[in-house]
């Protein structure tokens, strides 16, 4: 069983990874060669103006964005999970003291 200090350390590590995931996703979305280009390609697709090269680029960028979103979601879940474990651990400790 993990100690409270180990859980706190894991929580801090998960928060840092979550922060990085959010930062990477924001960087992607704001980047001229990434998110903005993806939005432009999606607009072209709606107008049916994509050539084969654009289709491949759009697919690649959509996969990259999906991967970044999944990473963000995974780390967010890990942070929540560890916060819940820490809360449980601290509640049990308070019950033992009382």
PDB file of N, CA and C in Angstrom:
ATOM      1  N   UNK A   1       0.843  -1.181   0.000  1.00  0.00           N
ATOM      2  CA  UNK A   1       0.000   0.000   0.000  1.00  0.00           C
ATOM      3  C   UNK A   1       0.885   1.240   0.000  1.00  0.00           C
ATOM      4  N   UNK A   2       0.487   2.206  -0.772  1.00  0.00           N
ATOM      5  CA  UNK A   2       1.239   3.448  -0.897  1.00  0.00           C
ATOM      6  C   UNK A   2       1.046   4.318   0.339  1.00  0.00           C
ATOM      7  N   UNK A   3       2.088   5.038   0.673  1.00  0.00           N
ATOM      8  CA  UNK A   3       1.989   5.977   1.784  1.00  0.00           C
ATOM      9  C   UNK A   3       1.401   7.288   1.278  1.00  0.00           C
ATOM     10  N   UNK A   4       0.999   8.119   2.203  1.00  0.00           N
ATOM     11  CA  UNK A   4       0.423   9.414   1.838  1.00  0.00           C
ATOM     12  C   UNK A   4       1.444  10.256   1.077  1.00  0.00           C
ATOM     13  N   UNK A   5       2.692  10.173   1.447  1.00  0.00           N
ATOM     14  CA  UNK A   5       3.740  10.940   0.759  1.00  0.00           C
ATOM     15  C   UNK A   5       3.931  10.441  -0.668  1.00  0.00           C
ATOM     16  N   UNK A   6       3.850   9.130  -0.867  1.00  0.00           N
ATOM     17  CA  UNK A   6       3.974   8.582  -2.216  1.00  0.00           C
ATOM     18  C   UNK A   6       2.800   9.029  -3.095  1.00  0.00           C
ATOM     19  N   UNK A   7       1.614   9.030  -2.522  1.00  0.00           N
ATOM     20  CA  UNK A   7       0.433   9.475  -3.270  1.00  0.00           C
ATOM     21  C   UNK A   7       0.564  10.954  -3.618  1.00  0.00           C
ATOM     22  N   UNK A   8       1.023  11.759  -2.665  1.00  0.00           N
ATOM     23  CA  UNK A   8       1.211  13.185  -2.938  1.00  0.00           C
ATOM     24  C   UNK A   8       2.238  13.396  -4.047  1.00  0.00           C
ATOM     25  N   UNK A   9       3.317  12.616  -4.036  1.00  0.00           N
ATOM     26  CA  UNK A   9       4.340  12.744  -5.070  1.00  0.00           C
ATOM     27  C   UNK A   9       3.780  12.332  -6.431  1.00  0.00           C
ATOM     28  N   UNK A  10       3.032  11.227  -6.461  1.00  0.00           N
ATOM     29  CA  UNK A  10       2.410  10.787  -7.709  1.00  0.00           C
ATOM     30  C   UNK A  10       1.423  11.845  -8.211  1.00  0.00           C
ATOM     31  N   UNK A  11       0.689  12.448  -7.303  1.00  0.00           N
ATOM     32  CA  UNK A  11      -0.266  13.494  -7.667  1.00  0.00           C
ATOM     33  C   UNK A  11       0.466  14.698  -8.264  1.00  0.00           C
ATOM     34  N   UNK A  12       1.547  15.103  -7.638  1.00  0.00           N
ATOM     35  CA  UNK A  12       2.330  16.222  -8.166  1.00  0.00           C
ATOM     36  C   UNK A  12       2.885  15.899  -9.551  1.00  0.00           C
ATOM     37  N   UNK A  13       3.377  14.665  -9.721  1.00  0.00           N
ATOM     38  CA  UNK A  13       3.894  14.246 -11.024  1.00  0.00           C
ATOM     39  C   UNK A  13       2.780  14.251 -12.069  1.00  0.00           C
ATOM     40  N   UNK A  14       1.615  13.737 -11.703  1.00  0.00           N
ATOM     41  CA  UNK A  14       0.476  13.685 -12.632  1.00  0.00           C
ATOM     42  C   UNK A  14       0.011  15.099 -12.991  1.00  0.00           C
ATOM     43  N   UNK A  15       0.011  15.993 -12.007  1.00  0.00           N
ATOM     44  CA  UNK A  15      -0.371  17.380 -12.291  1.00  0.00           C
ATOM     45  C   UNK A  15       0.599  18.010 -13.288  1.00  0.00           C
ATOM     46  N   UNK A  16       1.870  17.728 -13.137  1.00  0.00           N
ATOM     47  CA  UNK A  16       2.876  18.269 -14.052  1.00  0.00           C
ATOM     48  C   UNK A  16       2.677  17.702 -15.464  1.00  0.00           C
ATOM     49  N   UNK A  17       2.419  16.414 -15.559  1.00  0.00           N
ATOM     50  CA  UNK A  17       2.172  15.799 -16.863  1.00  0.00           C
ATOM     51  C   UNK A  17       0.892  16.355 -17.488  1.00  0.00           C
ATOM     52  N   UNK A  18      -0.126  16.575 -16.679  1.00  0.00           N
ATOM     53  CA  UNK A  18      -1.373  17.165 -17.171  1.00  0.00           C
ATOM     54  C   UNK A  18      -1.114  18.574 -17.687  1.00  0.00           C
ATOM     55  N   UNK A  19      -0.351  19.349 -16.938  1.00  0.00           N
ATOM     56  CA  UNK A  19      -0.011  20.709 -17.357  1.00  0.00           C
ATOM     57  C   UNK A  19       0.709  20.689 -18.706  1.00  0.00           C
ATOM     58  N   UNK A  20       1.652  19.757 -18.865  1.00  0.00           N
ATOM     59  CA  UNK A  20       2.382  19.635 -20.129  1.00  0.00           C
ATOM     60  C   UNK A  20       1.438  19.249 -21.267  1.00  0.00           C
ATOM     61  N   UNK A  21       0.513  18.322 -20.989  1.00  0.00           N
ATOM     62  CA  UNK A  21      -0.433  17.891 -22.016  1.00  0.00           C
ATOM     63  C   UNK A  21      -1.321  19.049 -22.462  1.00  0.00           C
ATOM     64  N   UNK A  22      -1.790  19.841 -21.506  1.00  0.00           N
ATOM     65  CA  UNK A  22      -2.619  21.010 -21.832  1.00  0.00           C
ATOM     66  C   UNK A  22      -1.801  22.002 -22.657  1.00  0.00           C
ATOM     67  N   UNK A  23      -0.576  22.222 -22.245  1.00  0.00           N
ATOM     68  CA  UNK A  23       0.311  23.152 -22.940  1.00  0.00           C
ATOM     69  C   UNK A  23       0.562  22.690 -24.382  1.00  0.00           C
ATOM     70  N   UNK A  24       0.810  21.398 -24.561  1.00  0.00           N
ATOM     71  CA  UNK A  24       1.058  20.868 -25.903  1.00  0.00           C
ATOM     72  C   UNK A  24      -0.185  21.011 -26.787  1.00  0.00           C
ATOM     73  N   UNK A  25      -1.349  20.742 -26.226  1.00  0.00           N
ATOM     74  CA  UNK A  25      -2.587  20.873 -26.987  1.00  0.00           C
ATOM     75  C   UNK A  25      -2.825  22.333 -27.372  1.00  0.00           C
ATOM     76  N   UNK A  26      -2.612  23.246 -26.436  1.00  0.00           N
ATOM     77  CA  UNK A  26      -2.780  24.675 -26.735  1.00  0.00           C
ATOM     78  C   UNK A  26      -1.789  25.126 -27.805  1.00  0.00           C
ATOM     79  N   UNK A  27      -0.555  24.661 -27.690  1.00  0.00           N
ATOM     80  CA  UNK A  27       0.467  25.008 -28.677  1.00  0.00           C
ATOM     81  C   UNK A  27       0.053  24.497 -30.059  1.00  0.00           C
ATOM     82  N   UNK A  28      -0.461  23.286 -30.107  1.00  0.00           N
ATOM     83  CA  UNK A  28      -0.935  22.718 -31.368  1.00  0.00           C
ATOM     84  C   UNK A  28      -2.060  23.567 -31.947  1.00  0.00           C
ATOM     85  N   UNK A  29      -3.047  23.881 -31.116  1.00  0.00           N
ATOM     86  CA  UNK A  29      -4.222  24.608 -31.591  1.00  0.00           C
ATOM     87  C   UNK A  29      -3.882  26.012 -32.073  1.00  0.00           C
ATOM     88  N   UNK A  30      -2.873  26.625 -31.472  1.00  0.00           N
ATOM     89  CA  UNK A  30      -2.501  27.996 -31.833  1.00  0.00           C
ATOM     90  C   UNK A  30      -1.459  28.053 -32.930  1.00  0.00           C
ATOM     91  N   UNK A  31      -0.825  26.930 -33.235  1.00  0.00           N
ATOM     92  CA  UNK A  31       0.265  26.915 -34.206  1.00  0.00           C
ATOM     93  C   UNK A  31      -0.200  27.121 -35.641  1.00  0.00           C
ATOM     94  N   UNK A  32       0.551  27.917 -36.355  1.00  0.00           N
ATOM     95  CA  UNK A  32       0.242  28.185 -37.763  1.00  0.00           C
ATOM     96  C   UNK A  32       0.293  26.900 -38.594  1.00  0.00           C
ATOM     97  N   UNK A  33       1.234  26.013 -38.272  1.00  0.00           N
ATOM     98  CA  UNK A  33       1.420  24.786 -39.048  1.00  0.00           C
ATOM     99  C   UNK A  33       0.609  23.620 -38.506  1.00  0.00           C
ATOM    100  N   UNK A  34      -0.132  23.839 -37.456  1.00  0.00           N
ATOM    101  CA  UNK A  34      -0.871  22.736 -36.832  1.00  0.00           C
ATOM    102  C   UNK A  34      -2.362  23.033 -36.781  1.00  0.00           C
ATOM    103  N   UNK A  35      -2.803  23.570 -35.671  1.00  0.00           N
ATOM    104  CA  UNK A  35      -4.225  23.779 -35.452  1.00  0.00           C
ATOM    105  C   UNK A  35      -4.875  24.727 -36.434  1.00  0.00           C
ATOM    106  N   UNK A  36      -4.214  25.843 -36.704  1.00  0.00           N
ATOM    107  CA  UNK A  36      -4.792  26.804 -37.646  1.00  0.00           C
ATOM    108  C   UNK A  36      -4.855  26.208 -39.048  1.00  0.00           C
ATOM    109  N   UNK A  37      -3.817  25.467 -39.415  1.00  0.00           N
ATOM    110  CA  UNK A  37      -3.802  24.821 -40.728  1.00  0.00           C
ATOM    111  C   UNK A  37      -4.880  23.740 -40.792  1.00  0.00           C
ATOM    112  N   UNK A  38      -5.044  22.997 -39.700  1.00  0.00           N
ATOM    113  CA  UNK A  38      -6.093  21.977 -39.649  1.00  0.00           C
ATOM    114  C   UNK A  38      -7.464  22.618 -39.850  1.00  0.00           C
ATOM    115  N   UNK A  39      -7.701  23.728 -39.197  1.00  0.00           N
ATOM    116  CA  UNK A  39      -8.981  24.430 -39.371  1.00  0.00           C
ATOM    117  C   UNK A  39      -9.178  24.875 -40.821  1.00  0.00           C
ATOM    118  N   UNK A  40      -8.102  25.345 -41.428  1.00  0.00           N
ATOM    119  CA  UNK A  40      -8.199  25.756 -42.836  1.00  0.00           C
ATOM    120  C   UNK A  40      -8.492  24.545 -43.734  1.00  0.00           C
ATOM    121  N   UNK A  41      -7.824  23.429 -43.446  1.00  0.00           N
ATOM    122  CA  UNK A  41      -8.073  22.216 -44.235  1.00  0.00           C
ATOM    123  C   UNK A  41      -9.504  21.715 -44.046  1.00  0.00           C
ATOM    124  N   UNK A  42     -10.021  21.840 -42.842  1.00  0.00           N
ATOM    125  CA  UNK A  42     -11.414  21.441 -42.607  1.00  0.00           C
ATOM    126  C   UNK A  42     -12.363  22.328 -43.409  1.00  0.00           C
ATOM    127  N   UNK A  43     -12.042  23.618 -43.495  1.00  0.00           N
ATOM    128  CA  UNK A  43     -12.836  24.528 -44.310  1.00  0.00           C
ATOM    129  C   UNK A  43     -12.788  24.137 -45.782  1.00  0.00           C
ATOM    130  N   UNK A  44     -11.584  23.783 -46.250  1.00  0.00           N
ATOM    131  CA  UNK A  44     -11.444  23.321 -47.630  1.00  0.00           C
ATOM    132  C   UNK A  44     -12.261  22.055 -47.858  1.00  0.00           C
ATOM    133  N   UNK A  45     -12.257  21.172 -46.873  1.00  0.00           N
ATOM    134  CA  UNK A  45     -13.004  19.915 -47.001  1.00  0.00           C
ATOM    135  C   UNK A  45     -14.501  20.198 -47.114  1.00  0.00           C
ATOM    136  N   UNK A  46     -14.982  21.157 -46.348  1.00  0.00           N
ATOM    137  CA  UNK A  46     -16.406  21.522 -46.435  1.00  0.00           C
ATOM    138  C   UNK A  46     -16.752  22.085 -47.810  1.00  0.00           C
ATOM    139  N   UNK A  47     -15.774  22.767 -48.399  1.00  0.00           N
ATOM    140  CA  UNK A  47     -15.989  23.331 -49.740  1.00  0.00           C
ATOM    141  C   UNK A  47     -15.623  22.325 -50.829  1.00  0.00           C
ATOM    142  N   UNK A  48     -15.214  21.127 -50.389  1.00  0.00           N
ATOM    143  CA  UNK A  48     -14.785  20.069 -51.309  1.00  0.00           C
ATOM    144  C   UNK A  48     -13.634  20.533 -52.200  1.00  0.00           C
ATOM    145  N   UNK A  49     -12.677  21.220 -51.583  1.00  0.00           N
ATOM    146  CA  UNK A  49     -11.544  21.774 -52.324  1.00  0.00           C
ATOM    147  C   UNK A  49     -10.211  21.157 -51.896  1.00  0.00           C
ATOM    148  N   UNK A  50     -10.247  19.935 -51.365  1.00  0.00           N
ATOM    149  CA  UNK A  50      -9.015  19.284 -50.912  1.00  0.00           C
ATOM    150  C   UNK A  50      -8.423  18.438 -52.034  1.00  0.00           C
ATOM    151  N   UNK A  51      -7.103  18.569 -52.212  1.00  0.00           N
ATOM    152  CA  UNK A  51      -6.431  17.631 -53.103  1.00  0.00           C
ATOM    153  C   UNK A  51      -5.889  16.479 -52.240  1.00  0.00           C
ATOM    154  N   UNK A  52      -5.257  15.514 -52.855  1.00  0.00           N
ATOM    155  CA  UNK A  52      -4.784  14.329 -52.117  1.00  0.00           C
ATOM    156  C   UNK A  52      -3.773  14.695 -51.030  1.00  0.00           C
ATOM    157  N   UNK A  53      -2.879  15.619 -51.335  1.00  0.00           N
ATOM    158  CA  UNK A  53      -1.872  16.039 -50.358  1.00  0.00           C
ATOM    159  C   UNK A  53      -2.544  16.690 -49.145  1.00  0.00           C
ATOM    160  N   UNK A  54      -3.534  17.524 -49.397  1.00  0.00           N
ATOM    161  CA  UNK A  54      -4.278  18.172 -48.311  1.00  0.00           C
ATOM    162  C   UNK A  54      -5.028  17.137 -47.474  1.00  0.00           C
ATOM    163  N   UNK A  55      -5.595  16.143 -48.135  1.00  0.00           N
ATOM    164  CA  UNK A  55      -6.317  15.090 -47.405  1.00  0.00           C
ATOM    165  C   UNK A  55      -5.394  14.347 -46.461  1.00  0.00           C
ATOM    166  N   UNK A  56      -4.204  14.023 -46.934  1.00  0.00           N
ATOM    167  CA  UNK A  56      -3.222  13.322 -46.092  1.00  0.00           C
ATOM    168  C   UNK A  56      -2.785  14.199 -44.918  1.00  0.00           C
ATOM    169  N   UNK A  57      -2.526  15.460 -45.204  1.00  0.00           N
ATOM    170  CA  UNK A  57      -2.111  16.394 -44.149  1.00  0.00           C
ATOM    171  C   UNK A  57      -3.220  16.564 -43.118  1.00  0.00           C
ATOM    172  N   UNK A  58      -4.453  16.689 -43.570  1.00  0.00           N
ATOM    173  CA  UNK A  58      -5.596  16.831 -42.671  1.00  0.00           C
ATOM    174  C   UNK A  58      -5.716  15.602 -41.779  1.00  0.00           C
ATOM    175  N   UNK A  59      -5.584  14.434 -42.368  1.00  0.00           N
ATOM    176  CA  UNK A  59      -5.674  13.184 -41.599  1.00  0.00           C
ATOM    177  C   UNK A  59      -4.570  13.123 -40.538  1.00  0.00           C
ATOM    178  N   UNK A  60      -3.340  13.478 -40.941  1.00  0.00           N
ATOM    179  CA  UNK A  60      -2.207  13.460 -40.007  1.00  0.00           C
ATOM    180  C   UNK A  60      -2.436  14.433 -38.850  1.00  0.00           C
ATOM    181  N   UNK A  61      -2.881  15.640 -39.169  1.00  0.00           N
ATOM    182  CA  UNK A  61      -3.114  16.648 -38.135  1.00  0.00           C
ATOM    183  C   UNK A  61      -4.271  16.260 -37.213  1.00  0.00           C
ATOM    184  N   UNK A  62      -5.315  15.662 -37.767  1.00  0.00           N
ATOM    185  CA  UNK A  62      -6.434  15.209 -36.936  1.00  0.00           C
ATOM    186  C   UNK A  62      -5.993  14.108 -35.978  1.00  0.00           C
ATOM    187  N   UNK A  63      -5.153  13.196 -36.454  1.00  0.00           N
ATOM    188  CA  UNK A  63      -4.630  12.137 -35.593  1.00  0.00           C
ATOM    189  C   UNK A  63      -3.754  12.712 -34.487  1.00  0.00           C
ATOM    190  N   UNK A  64      -2.932  13.690 -34.842  1.00  0.00           N
ATOM    191  CA  UNK A  64      -2.069  14.326 -33.842  1.00  0.00           C
ATOM    192  C   UNK A  64      -2.902  15.034 -32.778  1.00  0.00           C
ATOM    193  N   UNK A  65      -3.920  15.773 -33.222  1.00  0.00           N
ATOM    194  CA  UNK A  65      -4.782  16.480 -32.273  1.00  0.00           C
ATOM    195  C   UNK A  65      -5.509  15.484 -31.374  1.00  0.00           C
ATOM    196  N   UNK A  66      -6.007  14.411 -31.947  1.00  0.00           N
ATOM    197  CA  UNK A  66      -6.704  13.383 -31.161  1.00  0.00           C
ATOM    198  C   UNK A  66      -5.771  12.785 -30.114  1.00  0.00           C
ATOM    199  N   UNK A  67      -4.541  12.512 -30.501  1.00  0.00           N
ATOM    200  CA  UNK A  67      -3.562  11.969 -29.565  1.00  0.00           C
ATOM    201  C   UNK A  67      -3.299  12.938 -28.411  1.00  0.00           C
ATOM    202  N   UNK A  68      -3.166  14.220 -28.728  1.00  0.00           N
ATOM    203  CA  UNK A  68      -2.941  15.232 -27.694  1.00  0.00           C
ATOM    204  C   UNK A  68      -4.151  15.353 -26.764  1.00  0.00           C
ATOM    205  N   UNK A  69      -5.344  15.292 -27.335  1.00  0.00           N
ATOM    206  CA  UNK A  69      -6.562  15.362 -26.515  1.00  0.00           C
ATOM    207  C   UNK A  69      -6.685  14.139 -25.608  1.00  0.00           C
ATOM    208  N   UNK A  70      -6.327  12.968 -26.125  1.00  0.00           N
ATOM    209  CA  UNK A  70      -6.379  11.750 -25.307  1.00  0.00           C
ATOM    210  C   UNK A  70      -5.358  11.803 -24.178  1.00  0.00           C
ATOM    211  N   UNK A  71      -4.183  12.331 -24.468  1.00  0.00           N
ATOM    212  CA  UNK A  71      -3.159  12.470 -23.430  1.00  0.00           C
ATOM    213  C   UNK A  71      -3.642  13.408 -22.329  1.00  0.00           C
ATOM    214  N   UNK A  72      -4.226  14.515 -22.729  1.00  0.00           N
ATOM    215  CA  UNK A  72      -4.763  15.473 -21.752  1.00  0.00           C
ATOM    216  C   UNK A  72      -5.829  14.806 -20.887  1.00  0.00           C
ATOM    217  N   UNK A  73      -6.735  14.100 -21.537  1.00  0.00           N
ATOM    218  CA  UNK A  73      -7.823  13.443 -20.817  1.00  0.00           C
ATOM    219  C   UNK A  73      -7.289  12.360 -19.875  1.00  0.00           C
ATOM    220  N   UNK A  74      -6.294  11.594 -20.336  1.00  0.00           N
ATOM    221  CA  UNK A  74      -5.703  10.534 -19.514  1.00  0.00           C
ATOM    222  C   UNK A  74      -5.057  11.121 -18.254  1.00  0.00           C
ATOM    223  N   UNK A  75      -4.281  12.198 -18.420  1.00  0.00           N
ATOM    224  CA  UNK A  75      -3.623  12.800 -17.257  1.00  0.00           C
ATOM    225  C   UNK A  75      -4.622  13.484 -16.334  1.00  0.00           C
ATOM    226  N   UNK A  76      -5.662  14.065 -16.911  1.00  0.00           N
ATOM    227  CA  UNK A  76      -6.707  14.668 -16.082  1.00  0.00           C
ATOM    228  C   UNK A  76      -7.368  13.586 -15.221  1.00  0.00           C
ATOM    229  N   UNK A  77      -7.644  12.434 -15.821  1.00  0.00           N
ATOM    230  CA  UNK A  77      -8.223  11.312 -15.075  1.00  0.00           C
ATOM    231  C   UNK A  77      -7.294  10.821 -13.983  1.00  0.00           C
ATOM    232  N   UNK A  78      -6.005  10.785 -14.283  1.00  0.00           N
ATOM    233  CA  UNK A  78      -5.025  10.335 -13.288  1.00  0.00           C
ATOM    234  C   UNK A  78      -4.970  11.317 -12.114  1.00  0.00           C
ATOM    235  N   UNK A  79      -5.014  12.606 -12.400  1.00  0.00           N
ATOM    236  CA  UNK A  79      -5.006  13.610 -11.332  1.00  0.00           C
ATOM    237  C   UNK A  79      -6.237  13.427 -10.439  1.00  0.00           C
ATOM    238  N   UNK A  80      -7.398  13.278 -11.058  1.00  0.00           N
ATOM    239  CA  UNK A  80      -8.637  13.093 -10.294  1.00  0.00           C
ATOM    240  C   UNK A  80      -8.561  11.821  -9.450  1.00  0.00           C
ATOM    241  N   UNK A  81      -8.083  10.744 -10.046  1.00  0.00           N
ATOM    242  CA  UNK A  81      -7.950   9.479  -9.330  1.00  0.00           C
ATOM    243  C   UNK A  81      -7.040   9.619  -8.109  1.00  0.00           C
ATOM    244  N   UNK A  82      -5.902  10.253  -8.297  1.00  0.00           N
ATOM    245  CA  UNK A  82      -4.957  10.423  -7.188  1.00  0.00           C
ATOM    246  C   UNK A  82      -5.501  11.386  -6.131  1.00  0.00           C
ATOM    247  N   UNK A  83      -6.232  12.403  -6.539  1.00  0.00           N
ATOM    248  CA  UNK A  83      -6.843  13.306  -5.570  1.00  0.00           C
ATOM    249  C   UNK A  83      -7.860  12.542  -4.721  1.00  0.00           C
ATOM    250  N   UNK A  84      -8.625  11.665  -5.367  1.00  0.00           N
ATOM    251  CA  UNK A  84      -9.594  10.847  -4.628  1.00  0.00           C
ATOM    252  C   UNK A  84      -8.898   9.907  -3.658  1.00  0.00           C
ATOM    253  N   UNK A  85      -7.802   9.280  -4.101  1.00  0.00           N
ATOM    254  CA  UNK A  85      -7.053   8.379  -3.210  1.00  0.00           C
ATOM    255  C   UNK A  85      -6.482   9.146  -2.022  1.00  0.00           C
ATOM    256  N   UNK A  86      -5.962  10.319  -2.288  1.00  0.00           N
ATOM    257  CA  UNK A  86      -5.394  11.133  -1.219  1.00  0.00           C
ATOM    258  C   UNK A  86      -6.480  11.529  -0.227  1.00  0.00           C
ATOM    259  N   UNK A  87      -7.642  11.896  -0.726  1.00  0.00           N
ATOM    260  CA  UNK A  87      -8.765  12.262   0.143  1.00  0.00           C
ATOM    261  C   UNK A  87      -9.174  11.069   1.003  1.00  0.00           C
ATOM    262  N   UNK A  88      -9.292   9.887   0.374  1.00  0.00           N
ATOM    263  CA  UNK A  88      -9.635   8.663   1.126  1.00  0.00           C
ATOM    264  C   UNK A  88      -8.598   8.388   2.209  1.00  0.00           C
ATOM    265  N   UNK A  89      -7.340   8.493   1.828  1.00  0.00           N
ATOM    266  CA  UNK A  89      -6.237   8.210   2.744  1.00  0.00           C
ATOM    267  C   UNK A  89      -6.283   9.163   3.930  1.00  0.00           C
ATOM    268  N   UNK A  90      -6.521  10.446   3.635  1.00  0.00           N
ATOM    269  CA  UNK A  90      -6.555  11.447   4.702  1.00  0.00           C
ATOM    270  C   UNK A  90      -7.784  11.265   5.581  1.00  0.00           C
ATOM    271  N   UNK A  91      -8.923  10.862   5.003  1.00  0.00           N
ATOM    272  CA  UNK A  91     -10.129  10.622   5.801  1.00  0.00           C
ATOM    273  C   UNK A  91      -9.933   9.443   6.741  1.00  0.00           C
ATOM    274  N   UNK A  92      -9.276   8.398   6.253  1.00  0.00           N
ATOM    275  CA  UNK A  92      -9.013   7.245   7.113  1.00  0.00           C
ATOM    276  C   UNK A  92      -8.089   7.635   8.258  1.00  0.00           C
ATOM    277  N   UNK A  93      -7.097   8.473   7.955  1.00  0.00           N
ATOM    278  CA  UNK A  93      -6.184   8.930   8.992  1.00  0.00           C
ATOM    279  C   UNK A  93      -6.901   9.752  10.034  1.00  0.00           C
ATOM    280  N   UNK A  94      -7.845  10.589   9.627  1.00  0.00           N
ATOM    281  CA  UNK A  94      -8.596  11.412  10.567  1.00  0.00           C
ATOM    282  C   UNK A  94      -9.525  10.544  11.405  1.00  0.00           C
ATOM    283  N   UNK A  95     -10.089   9.494  10.835  1.00  0.00           N
ATOM    284  CA  UNK A  95     -10.956   8.596  11.586  1.00  0.00           C
ATOM    285  C   UNK A  95     -10.148   7.866  12.665  1.00  0.00           C
ATOM    286  N   UNK A  96      -8.927   7.484  12.349  1.00  0.00           N
ATOM    287  CA  UNK A  96      -8.097   6.776  13.314  1.00  0.00           C
ATOM    288  C   UNK A  96      -7.698   7.692  14.471  1.00  0.00           C
ATOM    289  N   UNK A  97      -7.521   8.952  14.186  1.00  0.00           N
ATOM    290  CA  UNK A  97      -7.138   9.909  15.234  1.00  0.00           C
ATOM    291  C   UNK A  97      -8.305  10.181  16.158  1.00  0.00           C
ATOM    292  N   UNK A  98      -9.496  10.257  15.609  1.00  0.00           N
ATOM    293  CA  UNK A  98     -10.685  10.625  16.388  1.00  0.00           C
ATOM    294  C   UNK A  98     -11.053   9.603  17.398  1.00  0.00           C
TER     295      UNK A  98
END
